[in-house]
N, C-alpha and C. Protein backbone atom coordinates (compact mmCIF):
# COMPACT_ATOMS: atom_id res chain seq x y z
N UNK A 1 -6.18 10.40 -11.14
CA UNK A 1 -6.93 11.46 -10.51
C UNK A 1 -6.32 12.79 -10.93
N UNK A 2 -7.15 13.72 -11.29
CA UNK A 2 -6.63 15.02 -11.67
C UNK A 2 -7.62 15.76 -12.52
N UNK A 3 -7.19 16.86 -13.06
CA UNK A 3 -8.03 17.69 -13.90
C UNK A 3 -7.43 17.71 -15.29
N UNK A 4 -8.26 17.52 -16.30
CA UNK A 4 -7.78 17.53 -17.68
C UNK A 4 -7.14 18.88 -17.99
N UNK A 5 -5.99 18.82 -18.62
CA UNK A 5 -5.32 20.04 -19.05
C UNK A 5 -4.62 20.81 -17.94
N UNK A 6 -4.53 20.23 -16.76
CA UNK A 6 -3.83 20.93 -15.68
C UNK A 6 -2.68 20.08 -15.19
N UNK A 7 -1.87 20.68 -14.34
CA UNK A 7 -0.74 19.94 -13.78
C UNK A 7 -1.14 19.23 -12.50
N UNK A 8 -2.43 19.24 -12.17
CA UNK A 8 -2.89 18.62 -10.94
C UNK A 8 -2.71 17.11 -10.98
N UNK A 9 -2.13 16.57 -9.93
CA UNK A 9 -1.97 15.12 -9.85
C UNK A 9 -2.47 14.61 -8.52
N UNK A 10 -1.69 14.74 -7.49
CA UNK A 10 -2.04 14.22 -6.17
C UNK A 10 -1.77 15.29 -5.13
N UNK A 11 -2.48 15.24 -4.00
CA UNK A 11 -2.28 16.27 -2.98
C UNK A 11 -0.86 16.33 -2.46
N UNK A 12 -0.15 15.21 -2.45
CA UNK A 12 1.21 15.21 -1.91
C UNK A 12 2.14 16.08 -2.73
N UNK A 13 1.81 16.31 -3.99
CA UNK A 13 2.66 17.13 -4.83
C UNK A 13 2.61 18.60 -4.41
N UNK A 14 1.67 18.93 -3.55
CA UNK A 14 1.49 20.31 -3.15
C UNK A 14 1.81 20.52 -1.67
N UNK A 15 2.32 19.51 -1.01
CA UNK A 15 2.70 19.66 0.38
C UNK A 15 3.89 20.59 0.45
N UNK A 16 3.95 21.32 1.50
CA UNK A 16 5.16 22.09 1.76
C UNK A 16 5.65 21.69 3.13
N UNK A 17 6.58 22.42 3.68
CA UNK A 17 7.21 22.01 4.94
C UNK A 17 6.22 21.75 6.06
N UNK A 18 5.06 22.40 6.04
CA UNK A 18 4.08 22.20 7.09
C UNK A 18 3.27 20.94 6.94
N UNK A 19 3.42 20.22 5.83
CA UNK A 19 2.68 18.99 5.61
C UNK A 19 1.23 19.25 5.27
N UNK A 20 0.43 18.20 5.33
CA UNK A 20 -0.97 18.28 4.93
C UNK A 20 -1.75 19.26 5.80
N UNK A 21 -1.46 19.30 7.10
CA UNK A 21 -2.20 20.18 8.01
C UNK A 21 -2.08 21.64 7.59
N UNK A 22 -0.92 22.04 7.10
CA UNK A 22 -0.70 23.43 6.72
C UNK A 22 -1.11 23.72 5.28
N UNK A 23 -1.46 22.71 4.53
CA UNK A 23 -1.83 22.86 3.13
C UNK A 23 -3.22 23.47 3.01
N UNK A 24 -3.36 24.47 2.17
CA UNK A 24 -4.68 25.07 1.95
C UNK A 24 -5.14 24.77 0.52
N UNK A 25 -6.44 24.93 0.30
CA UNK A 25 -6.98 24.75 -1.05
C UNK A 25 -6.32 25.76 -1.98
N UNK A 26 -6.07 26.96 -1.49
CA UNK A 26 -5.40 27.98 -2.30
C UNK A 26 -4.02 27.50 -2.74
N UNK A 27 -3.27 26.86 -1.82
CA UNK A 27 -1.95 26.30 -2.17
C UNK A 27 -2.09 25.30 -3.32
N UNK A 28 -3.08 24.43 -3.19
CA UNK A 28 -3.29 23.37 -4.19
C UNK A 28 -3.65 23.98 -5.54
N UNK A 29 -4.62 24.89 -5.54
CA UNK A 29 -5.09 25.45 -6.81
C UNK A 29 -4.03 26.32 -7.47
N UNK A 30 -3.26 27.04 -6.68
CA UNK A 30 -2.19 27.87 -7.25
C UNK A 30 -1.13 27.00 -7.90
N UNK A 31 -0.69 25.99 -7.20
CA UNK A 31 0.37 25.12 -7.73
C UNK A 31 -0.12 24.26 -8.89
N UNK A 32 -1.41 23.94 -8.90
CA UNK A 32 -1.98 23.11 -9.97
C UNK A 32 -2.42 23.96 -11.17
N UNK A 33 -2.38 25.28 -10.98
CA UNK A 33 -2.78 26.21 -12.03
C UNK A 33 -4.24 25.99 -12.44
N UNK A 34 -5.08 25.83 -11.43
CA UNK A 34 -6.53 25.73 -11.66
C UNK A 34 -7.21 26.74 -10.75
N UNK A 35 -8.46 27.07 -11.04
CA UNK A 35 -9.14 28.00 -10.14
C UNK A 35 -9.87 27.21 -9.05
N UNK A 36 -10.22 27.93 -8.00
CA UNK A 36 -10.87 27.28 -6.85
C UNK A 36 -12.20 26.65 -7.25
N UNK A 37 -12.92 27.29 -8.18
CA UNK A 37 -14.20 26.74 -8.63
C UNK A 37 -14.04 25.35 -9.23
N UNK A 38 -12.99 25.18 -10.03
CA UNK A 38 -12.71 23.87 -10.62
C UNK A 38 -12.40 22.86 -9.53
N UNK A 39 -11.61 23.27 -8.55
CA UNK A 39 -11.29 22.37 -7.44
C UNK A 39 -12.58 21.92 -6.75
N UNK A 40 -13.46 22.89 -6.44
CA UNK A 40 -14.68 22.57 -5.69
C UNK A 40 -15.72 21.83 -6.53
N UNK A 41 -15.57 21.80 -7.84
CA UNK A 41 -16.43 20.94 -8.66
C UNK A 41 -16.13 19.47 -8.40
N UNK A 42 -14.88 19.19 -8.03
CA UNK A 42 -14.43 17.81 -7.84
C UNK A 42 -14.35 17.39 -6.37
N UNK A 43 -14.08 18.34 -5.48
CA UNK A 43 -13.84 18.01 -4.07
C UNK A 43 -14.55 19.00 -3.16
N UNK A 44 -14.97 18.50 -1.99
CA UNK A 44 -15.58 19.38 -0.99
C UNK A 44 -14.53 20.25 -0.33
N UNK A 45 -13.38 19.64 -0.05
CA UNK A 45 -12.29 20.33 0.62
C UNK A 45 -11.03 19.49 0.46
N UNK A 46 -9.95 19.89 1.10
CA UNK A 46 -8.69 19.15 0.95
C UNK A 46 -8.79 17.74 1.53
N UNK A 47 -9.64 17.56 2.52
CA UNK A 47 -9.80 16.23 3.12
C UNK A 47 -10.51 15.28 2.16
N UNK A 48 -11.48 15.82 1.42
CA UNK A 48 -12.16 15.02 0.40
C UNK A 48 -11.17 14.64 -0.70
N UNK A 49 -10.31 15.56 -1.06
CA UNK A 49 -9.25 15.27 -2.04
C UNK A 49 -8.37 14.12 -1.55
N UNK A 50 -7.97 14.20 -0.28
CA UNK A 50 -7.13 13.14 0.29
C UNK A 50 -7.89 11.81 0.31
N UNK A 51 -9.16 11.85 0.72
CA UNK A 51 -9.97 10.62 0.77
C UNK A 51 -10.12 9.99 -0.61
N UNK A 52 -10.41 10.80 -1.62
CA UNK A 52 -10.57 10.26 -2.97
C UNK A 52 -9.25 9.71 -3.51
N UNK A 53 -8.18 10.40 -3.19
CA UNK A 53 -6.85 9.93 -3.61
C UNK A 53 -6.54 8.61 -2.93
N UNK A 54 -6.84 8.53 -1.64
CA UNK A 54 -6.62 7.30 -0.88
C UNK A 54 -7.42 6.15 -1.47
N UNK A 55 -8.66 6.40 -1.84
CA UNK A 55 -9.49 5.35 -2.45
C UNK A 55 -8.87 4.84 -3.75
N UNK A 56 -8.32 5.75 -4.54
CA UNK A 56 -7.65 5.35 -5.78
C UNK A 56 -6.44 4.47 -5.50
N UNK A 57 -5.65 4.86 -4.51
CA UNK A 57 -4.46 4.08 -4.14
C UNK A 57 -4.88 2.71 -3.65
N UNK A 58 -5.91 2.66 -2.82
CA UNK A 58 -6.39 1.37 -2.30
C UNK A 58 -6.83 0.47 -3.45
N UNK A 59 -7.54 1.02 -4.43
CA UNK A 59 -7.96 0.21 -5.59
C UNK A 59 -6.75 -0.32 -6.35
N UNK A 60 -5.76 0.54 -6.54
CA UNK A 60 -4.54 0.12 -7.26
C UNK A 60 -3.83 -1.01 -6.51
N UNK A 61 -3.65 -0.83 -5.21
CA UNK A 61 -2.95 -1.84 -4.41
C UNK A 61 -3.78 -3.12 -4.32
N UNK A 62 -5.08 -2.96 -4.19
CA UNK A 62 -5.97 -4.13 -4.14
C UNK A 62 -5.83 -4.95 -5.42
N UNK A 63 -5.75 -4.29 -6.56
CA UNK A 63 -5.57 -5.00 -7.83
C UNK A 63 -4.30 -5.83 -7.85
N UNK A 64 -3.24 -5.31 -7.26
CA UNK A 64 -1.97 -6.04 -7.19
C UNK A 64 -2.09 -7.21 -6.22
N UNK A 65 -2.65 -6.95 -5.04
CA UNK A 65 -2.76 -7.98 -4.00
C UNK A 65 -3.68 -9.12 -4.45
N UNK A 66 -4.74 -8.80 -5.18
CA UNK A 66 -5.66 -9.85 -5.64
C UNK A 66 -4.98 -10.83 -6.58
N UNK A 67 -3.93 -10.42 -7.25
CA UNK A 67 -3.18 -11.35 -8.10
C UNK A 67 -2.51 -12.43 -7.25
N UNK A 68 -2.12 -12.07 -6.04
CA UNK A 68 -1.50 -13.05 -5.14
C UNK A 68 -2.53 -14.07 -4.68
N UNK A 69 -3.75 -13.61 -4.39
CA UNK A 69 -4.77 -14.54 -3.90
C UNK A 69 -5.21 -15.53 -4.98
N UNK A 70 -4.93 -15.22 -6.23
CA UNK A 70 -5.31 -16.11 -7.33
C UNK A 70 -4.28 -17.21 -7.57
N UNK A 71 -3.17 -17.18 -6.85
CA UNK A 71 -2.11 -18.17 -7.07
C UNK A 71 -2.48 -19.53 -6.51
N UNK A 72 -1.97 -20.56 -7.14
CA UNK A 72 -2.20 -21.93 -6.68
C UNK A 72 -1.09 -22.34 -5.71
N UNK A 73 -1.27 -23.50 -5.10
CA UNK A 73 -0.25 -24.05 -4.20
C UNK A 73 1.07 -24.20 -4.94
N UNK A 74 1.02 -24.67 -6.16
CA UNK A 74 2.25 -24.84 -6.96
C UNK A 74 2.93 -23.50 -7.22
N UNK A 75 2.12 -22.45 -7.44
CA UNK A 75 2.68 -21.12 -7.65
C UNK A 75 3.43 -20.65 -6.41
N UNK A 76 2.87 -20.93 -5.23
CA UNK A 76 3.53 -20.52 -4.00
C UNK A 76 4.79 -21.33 -3.75
N UNK A 77 4.78 -22.58 -4.17
CA UNK A 77 5.97 -23.42 -4.00
C UNK A 77 7.14 -22.86 -4.81
N UNK A 78 6.85 -22.27 -5.95
CA UNK A 78 7.86 -21.61 -6.77
C UNK A 78 7.80 -20.13 -6.40
N UNK A 79 8.63 -19.72 -5.47
CA UNK A 79 8.53 -18.35 -4.92
C UNK A 79 8.75 -17.26 -5.96
N UNK A 80 9.23 -17.62 -7.15
CA UNK A 80 9.44 -16.59 -8.18
C UNK A 80 8.12 -15.94 -8.58
N UNK A 81 7.03 -16.71 -8.54
CA UNK A 81 5.74 -16.18 -8.99
C UNK A 81 5.20 -15.14 -8.00
N UNK A 82 5.07 -15.47 -6.69
CA UNK A 82 4.62 -14.41 -5.78
C UNK A 82 5.62 -13.26 -5.69
N UNK A 83 6.91 -13.56 -5.84
CA UNK A 83 7.92 -12.50 -5.80
C UNK A 83 7.68 -11.49 -6.92
N UNK A 84 7.35 -11.97 -8.11
CA UNK A 84 7.09 -11.08 -9.25
C UNK A 84 5.92 -10.14 -8.96
N UNK A 85 4.90 -10.65 -8.28
CA UNK A 85 3.75 -9.81 -7.93
C UNK A 85 4.14 -8.79 -6.87
N UNK A 86 4.94 -9.21 -5.91
CA UNK A 86 5.39 -8.30 -4.85
C UNK A 86 6.31 -7.23 -5.43
N UNK A 87 7.09 -7.58 -6.45
CA UNK A 87 7.89 -6.56 -7.15
C UNK A 87 6.96 -5.48 -7.70
N UNK A 88 5.82 -5.89 -8.27
CA UNK A 88 4.85 -4.92 -8.80
C UNK A 88 4.34 -3.99 -7.71
N UNK A 89 4.11 -4.56 -6.52
CA UNK A 89 3.66 -3.74 -5.40
C UNK A 89 4.72 -2.70 -5.05
N UNK A 90 5.97 -3.14 -4.90
CA UNK A 90 7.04 -2.20 -4.57
C UNK A 90 7.29 -1.21 -5.71
N UNK A 91 7.10 -1.63 -6.95
CA UNK A 91 7.26 -0.71 -8.08
C UNK A 91 6.18 0.37 -8.03
N UNK A 92 4.96 -0.04 -7.67
CA UNK A 92 3.87 0.93 -7.53
C UNK A 92 4.21 1.94 -6.43
N UNK A 93 4.68 1.44 -5.29
CA UNK A 93 5.05 2.34 -4.19
C UNK A 93 6.18 3.26 -4.62
N UNK A 94 7.17 2.71 -5.33
CA UNK A 94 8.30 3.50 -5.80
C UNK A 94 7.84 4.57 -6.79
N UNK A 95 6.99 4.19 -7.73
CA UNK A 95 6.49 5.14 -8.73
C UNK A 95 5.66 6.25 -8.10
N UNK A 96 5.05 5.96 -6.96
CA UNK A 96 4.18 6.92 -6.27
C UNK A 96 4.71 7.25 -4.88
N UNK A 97 6.03 7.33 -4.76
CA UNK A 97 6.68 7.48 -3.45
C UNK A 97 6.20 8.72 -2.70
N UNK A 98 6.12 9.86 -3.36
CA UNK A 98 5.69 11.08 -2.67
C UNK A 98 4.27 10.92 -2.15
N UNK A 99 3.41 10.34 -2.97
CA UNK A 99 2.04 10.10 -2.55
C UNK A 99 1.98 9.14 -1.37
N UNK A 100 2.72 8.04 -1.46
CA UNK A 100 2.71 7.05 -0.38
C UNK A 100 3.24 7.64 0.92
N UNK A 101 4.29 8.46 0.83
CA UNK A 101 4.82 9.11 2.04
C UNK A 101 3.79 10.07 2.63
N UNK A 102 3.08 10.78 1.76
CA UNK A 102 2.05 11.69 2.23
C UNK A 102 0.93 10.93 2.93
N UNK A 103 0.50 9.84 2.34
CA UNK A 103 -0.56 9.03 2.94
C UNK A 103 -0.12 8.50 4.29
N UNK A 104 1.10 8.02 4.36
CA UNK A 104 1.58 7.43 5.61
C UNK A 104 1.82 8.48 6.69
N UNK A 105 1.87 9.75 6.29
CA UNK A 105 2.05 10.82 7.27
C UNK A 105 0.72 11.41 7.73
N UNK A 106 -0.39 10.88 7.20
CA UNK A 106 -1.71 11.40 7.54
C UNK A 106 -2.59 10.26 8.05
N UNK A 107 -3.86 10.58 8.25
CA UNK A 107 -4.82 9.55 8.66
C UNK A 107 -4.94 8.45 7.62
N UNK A 108 -4.45 8.72 6.43
CA UNK A 108 -4.51 7.74 5.36
C UNK A 108 -3.74 6.47 5.67
N UNK A 109 -2.70 6.58 6.49
CA UNK A 109 -1.90 5.41 6.85
C UNK A 109 -2.78 4.37 7.53
N UNK A 110 -3.53 4.79 8.53
CA UNK A 110 -4.40 3.85 9.24
C UNK A 110 -5.49 3.32 8.30
N UNK A 111 -6.07 4.20 7.51
CA UNK A 111 -7.15 3.79 6.60
C UNK A 111 -6.63 2.77 5.59
N UNK A 112 -5.45 3.02 5.04
CA UNK A 112 -4.88 2.10 4.05
C UNK A 112 -4.58 0.75 4.69
N UNK A 113 -3.97 0.77 5.87
CA UNK A 113 -3.67 -0.48 6.57
C UNK A 113 -4.94 -1.24 6.91
N UNK A 114 -5.93 -0.53 7.40
CA UNK A 114 -7.19 -1.15 7.79
C UNK A 114 -7.87 -1.81 6.58
N UNK A 115 -7.89 -1.11 5.45
CA UNK A 115 -8.51 -1.68 4.24
C UNK A 115 -7.75 -2.91 3.77
N UNK A 116 -6.44 -2.87 3.84
CA UNK A 116 -5.64 -4.01 3.39
C UNK A 116 -5.82 -5.21 4.32
N UNK A 117 -5.96 -4.96 5.62
CA UNK A 117 -6.24 -6.05 6.57
C UNK A 117 -7.57 -6.71 6.22
N UNK A 118 -8.58 -5.88 5.96
CA UNK A 118 -9.90 -6.41 5.60
C UNK A 118 -9.82 -7.18 4.29
N UNK A 119 -9.06 -6.68 3.34
CA UNK A 119 -8.90 -7.36 2.06
C UNK A 119 -8.25 -8.72 2.26
N UNK A 120 -7.19 -8.76 3.07
CA UNK A 120 -6.52 -10.04 3.34
C UNK A 120 -7.46 -11.00 4.04
N UNK A 121 -8.14 -10.51 5.06
CA UNK A 121 -9.06 -11.36 5.81
C UNK A 121 -10.12 -11.92 4.87
N UNK A 122 -10.72 -11.06 4.09
CA UNK A 122 -11.80 -11.47 3.19
C UNK A 122 -11.33 -12.51 2.17
N UNK A 123 -10.21 -12.25 1.53
CA UNK A 123 -9.75 -13.13 0.45
C UNK A 123 -9.05 -14.39 0.94
N UNK A 124 -8.33 -14.30 2.04
CA UNK A 124 -7.60 -15.48 2.52
C UNK A 124 -8.50 -16.37 3.36
N UNK A 125 -9.29 -15.78 4.23
CA UNK A 125 -10.02 -16.58 5.20
C UNK A 125 -11.51 -16.73 4.89
N UNK A 126 -12.19 -15.67 4.49
CA UNK A 126 -13.62 -15.79 4.22
C UNK A 126 -13.90 -16.44 2.88
N UNK A 127 -13.25 -15.96 1.82
CA UNK A 127 -13.47 -16.52 0.49
C UNK A 127 -12.55 -17.69 0.21
N UNK A 128 -11.57 -17.88 1.09
CA UNK A 128 -10.59 -18.96 0.96
C UNK A 128 -9.96 -18.98 -0.44
N UNK A 129 -9.55 -17.78 -0.89
CA UNK A 129 -8.95 -17.66 -2.23
C UNK A 129 -7.59 -18.35 -2.31
N UNK A 130 -6.87 -18.36 -1.21
CA UNK A 130 -5.57 -19.04 -1.23
C UNK A 130 -5.80 -20.45 -0.70
N UNK A 131 -5.75 -21.41 -1.60
CA UNK A 131 -6.09 -22.79 -1.25
C UNK A 131 -5.11 -23.41 -0.25
N UNK A 132 -3.96 -22.80 -0.09
CA UNK A 132 -2.98 -23.30 0.88
C UNK A 132 -3.47 -23.20 2.32
N UNK A 133 -4.26 -22.17 2.59
CA UNK A 133 -4.67 -21.87 3.96
C UNK A 133 -5.84 -22.78 4.35
N UNK A 134 -5.60 -23.60 5.34
CA UNK A 134 -6.63 -24.49 5.88
C UNK A 134 -6.89 -24.06 7.32
N UNK A 135 -8.08 -23.59 7.59
CA UNK A 135 -8.40 -23.09 8.93
C UNK A 135 -8.11 -24.12 10.02
N UNK A 136 -8.40 -25.38 9.73
CA UNK A 136 -8.22 -26.41 10.76
C UNK A 136 -6.74 -26.65 11.09
N UNK A 137 -5.85 -26.21 10.24
CA UNK A 137 -4.41 -26.40 10.49
C UNK A 137 -3.73 -25.16 11.06
N UNK A 138 -4.47 -24.07 11.18
CA UNK A 138 -3.87 -22.82 11.65
C UNK A 138 -3.50 -22.92 13.12
N UNK A 139 -2.35 -22.36 13.47
CA UNK A 139 -1.88 -22.37 14.85
C UNK A 139 -2.36 -21.16 15.63
N UNK A 140 -2.84 -20.14 14.93
CA UNK A 140 -3.36 -18.93 15.57
C UNK A 140 -4.66 -18.53 14.87
N UNK A 141 -5.52 -17.77 15.56
CA UNK A 141 -6.75 -17.31 14.91
C UNK A 141 -6.44 -16.46 13.67
N UNK A 142 -7.24 -16.65 12.64
CA UNK A 142 -7.02 -15.97 11.37
C UNK A 142 -6.99 -14.46 11.46
N UNK A 143 -7.82 -13.88 12.33
CA UNK A 143 -7.85 -12.43 12.47
C UNK A 143 -6.49 -11.89 12.89
N UNK A 144 -5.84 -12.60 13.82
CA UNK A 144 -4.52 -12.16 14.29
C UNK A 144 -3.47 -12.35 13.19
N UNK A 145 -3.60 -13.42 12.46
CA UNK A 145 -2.66 -13.67 11.37
C UNK A 145 -2.78 -12.60 10.29
N UNK A 146 -4.00 -12.28 9.89
CA UNK A 146 -4.22 -11.24 8.87
C UNK A 146 -3.69 -9.90 9.35
N UNK A 147 -3.93 -9.59 10.62
CA UNK A 147 -3.44 -8.33 11.19
C UNK A 147 -1.91 -8.29 11.21
N UNK A 148 -1.30 -9.40 11.61
CA UNK A 148 0.17 -9.50 11.65
C UNK A 148 0.77 -9.32 10.26
N UNK A 149 0.21 -10.02 9.29
CA UNK A 149 0.75 -9.95 7.92
C UNK A 149 0.63 -8.53 7.38
N UNK A 150 -0.56 -7.92 7.50
CA UNK A 150 -0.76 -6.57 6.97
C UNK A 150 0.15 -5.56 7.66
N UNK A 151 0.23 -5.63 8.99
CA UNK A 151 1.07 -4.69 9.74
C UNK A 151 2.55 -4.88 9.41
N UNK A 152 2.98 -6.12 9.32
CA UNK A 152 4.39 -6.39 9.00
C UNK A 152 4.73 -5.88 7.61
N UNK A 153 3.88 -6.14 6.65
CA UNK A 153 4.15 -5.70 5.27
C UNK A 153 4.17 -4.18 5.17
N UNK A 154 3.20 -3.53 5.84
CA UNK A 154 3.20 -2.07 5.81
C UNK A 154 4.40 -1.51 6.55
N UNK A 155 4.82 -2.17 7.60
CA UNK A 155 6.02 -1.73 8.32
C UNK A 155 7.25 -1.77 7.43
N UNK A 156 7.37 -2.82 6.64
CA UNK A 156 8.51 -2.95 5.72
C UNK A 156 8.43 -1.86 4.64
N UNK A 157 7.25 -1.63 4.10
CA UNK A 157 7.09 -0.58 3.08
C UNK A 157 7.42 0.79 3.67
N UNK A 158 6.92 1.06 4.87
CA UNK A 158 7.19 2.36 5.51
C UNK A 158 8.68 2.53 5.78
N UNK A 159 9.33 1.48 6.26
CA UNK A 159 10.78 1.56 6.52
C UNK A 159 11.54 1.85 5.22
N UNK A 160 11.14 1.21 4.15
CA UNK A 160 11.79 1.43 2.85
C UNK A 160 11.62 2.88 2.41
N UNK A 161 10.41 3.42 2.56
CA UNK A 161 10.18 4.82 2.21
C UNK A 161 10.99 5.75 3.11
N UNK A 162 10.98 5.47 4.42
CA UNK A 162 11.72 6.31 5.38
C UNK A 162 13.22 6.32 5.10
N UNK A 163 13.74 5.20 4.60
CA UNK A 163 15.17 5.09 4.32
C UNK A 163 15.54 5.62 2.92
N UNK A 164 14.56 6.19 2.25
CA UNK A 164 14.84 6.79 0.96
C UNK A 164 14.86 5.83 -0.22
N UNK A 165 14.22 4.66 -0.06
CA UNK A 165 14.10 3.68 -1.14
C UNK A 165 15.47 3.33 -1.72
N UNK A 166 16.41 3.01 -0.85
CA UNK A 166 17.77 2.68 -1.28
C UNK A 166 17.83 1.37 -2.05
N UNK A 167 16.97 0.43 -1.69
CA UNK A 167 16.94 -0.86 -2.37
C UNK A 167 15.96 -0.78 -3.55
N UNK A 168 16.20 -1.60 -4.54
CA UNK A 168 15.30 -1.66 -5.70
C UNK A 168 14.01 -2.38 -5.30
N UNK A 169 12.93 -2.20 -6.08
CA UNK A 169 11.71 -2.97 -5.81
C UNK A 169 11.96 -4.48 -5.83
N UNK A 170 12.87 -4.94 -6.68
CA UNK A 170 13.20 -6.37 -6.74
C UNK A 170 13.85 -6.84 -5.44
N UNK A 171 14.78 -6.04 -4.92
CA UNK A 171 15.44 -6.39 -3.66
C UNK A 171 14.44 -6.37 -2.51
N UNK A 172 13.55 -5.40 -2.50
CA UNK A 172 12.55 -5.33 -1.43
C UNK A 172 11.59 -6.51 -1.50
N UNK A 173 11.24 -6.93 -2.70
CA UNK A 173 10.37 -8.10 -2.85
C UNK A 173 11.07 -9.33 -2.29
N UNK A 174 12.36 -9.48 -2.56
CA UNK A 174 13.13 -10.61 -2.03
C UNK A 174 13.14 -10.58 -0.51
N UNK A 175 13.34 -9.40 0.06
CA UNK A 175 13.36 -9.24 1.53
C UNK A 175 12.00 -9.64 2.10
N UNK A 176 10.93 -9.11 1.52
CA UNK A 176 9.59 -9.39 2.04
C UNK A 176 9.22 -10.86 1.89
N UNK A 177 9.59 -11.46 0.77
CA UNK A 177 9.33 -12.89 0.57
C UNK A 177 10.09 -13.72 1.59
N UNK A 178 11.35 -13.38 1.86
CA UNK A 178 12.12 -14.11 2.87
C UNK A 178 11.47 -14.04 4.24
N UNK A 179 11.07 -12.84 4.63
CA UNK A 179 10.43 -12.69 5.95
C UNK A 179 9.09 -13.42 5.98
N UNK A 180 8.30 -13.27 4.93
CA UNK A 180 6.96 -13.85 4.89
C UNK A 180 6.99 -15.37 4.80
N UNK A 181 7.81 -15.91 3.91
CA UNK A 181 7.81 -17.35 3.68
C UNK A 181 8.60 -18.12 4.74
N UNK A 182 9.60 -17.49 5.32
CA UNK A 182 10.46 -18.21 6.27
C UNK A 182 10.29 -17.72 7.71
N UNK A 183 9.68 -16.58 7.91
CA UNK A 183 9.45 -16.04 9.24
C UNK A 183 10.56 -15.12 9.70
N UNK A 184 10.23 -14.23 10.64
CA UNK A 184 11.22 -13.25 11.10
C UNK A 184 12.42 -13.87 11.81
N UNK A 185 12.23 -14.96 12.53
CA UNK A 185 13.37 -15.57 13.23
C UNK A 185 14.35 -16.19 12.24
N UNK A 186 13.85 -16.76 11.17
CA UNK A 186 14.72 -17.29 10.11
C UNK A 186 15.45 -16.13 9.43
N UNK A 187 14.69 -15.06 9.11
CA UNK A 187 15.29 -13.90 8.44
C UNK A 187 16.36 -13.24 9.31
N UNK A 188 16.22 -13.34 10.63
CA UNK A 188 17.20 -12.77 11.56
C UNK A 188 18.42 -13.67 11.72
N UNK A 189 18.38 -14.86 11.14
CA UNK A 189 19.51 -15.77 11.23
C UNK A 189 19.50 -16.66 12.46
N UNK A 190 18.42 -16.62 13.23
CA UNK A 190 18.33 -17.45 14.44
C UNK A 190 18.11 -18.91 14.06
N UNK A 191 17.22 -19.13 13.11
CA UNK A 191 17.01 -20.48 12.58
C UNK A 191 17.57 -20.51 11.17
N UNK A 192 18.14 -21.64 10.80
CA UNK A 192 18.65 -21.70 9.42
C UNK A 192 18.25 -23.00 8.76
């Protein structure tokens, strides 16, 4: 997303201490070295810019997550395969850290989480893309499970961003795989 020949990239690159609420179109166009007319050719206002940016991020993350839904039971048994995909997710977040922090500080956080919950629900339960999941064997309703998984994963990503991304994407993937595959009580050392 951006304008050809300009330094424009993402709205988060133009945030200042006041955050998105204090950001004006003039701030964006000045820092991007574009005129307001060019900005308004592409966006209605700063909220439209944020919405379009959010849609791009959702598409990018969806592309990564869909690789997980294509895995077979054997792929899941060998945790290296889903871990490699989760590394890609954390690498994407790391590469776009300022953008991700900006999204999580705005209404985009809820929108991103909500879209990812719907994506998980659709691919895991409606389309049954992950052959491991058998509705008749589930201990809880699928809607709650999809909500729990999406919220837990976003919580881990947000914590990583808040802590300044001290761990590598590979280490974060290992952490998330441990929590996801073994459960939070196992990860806490209660069960071994």
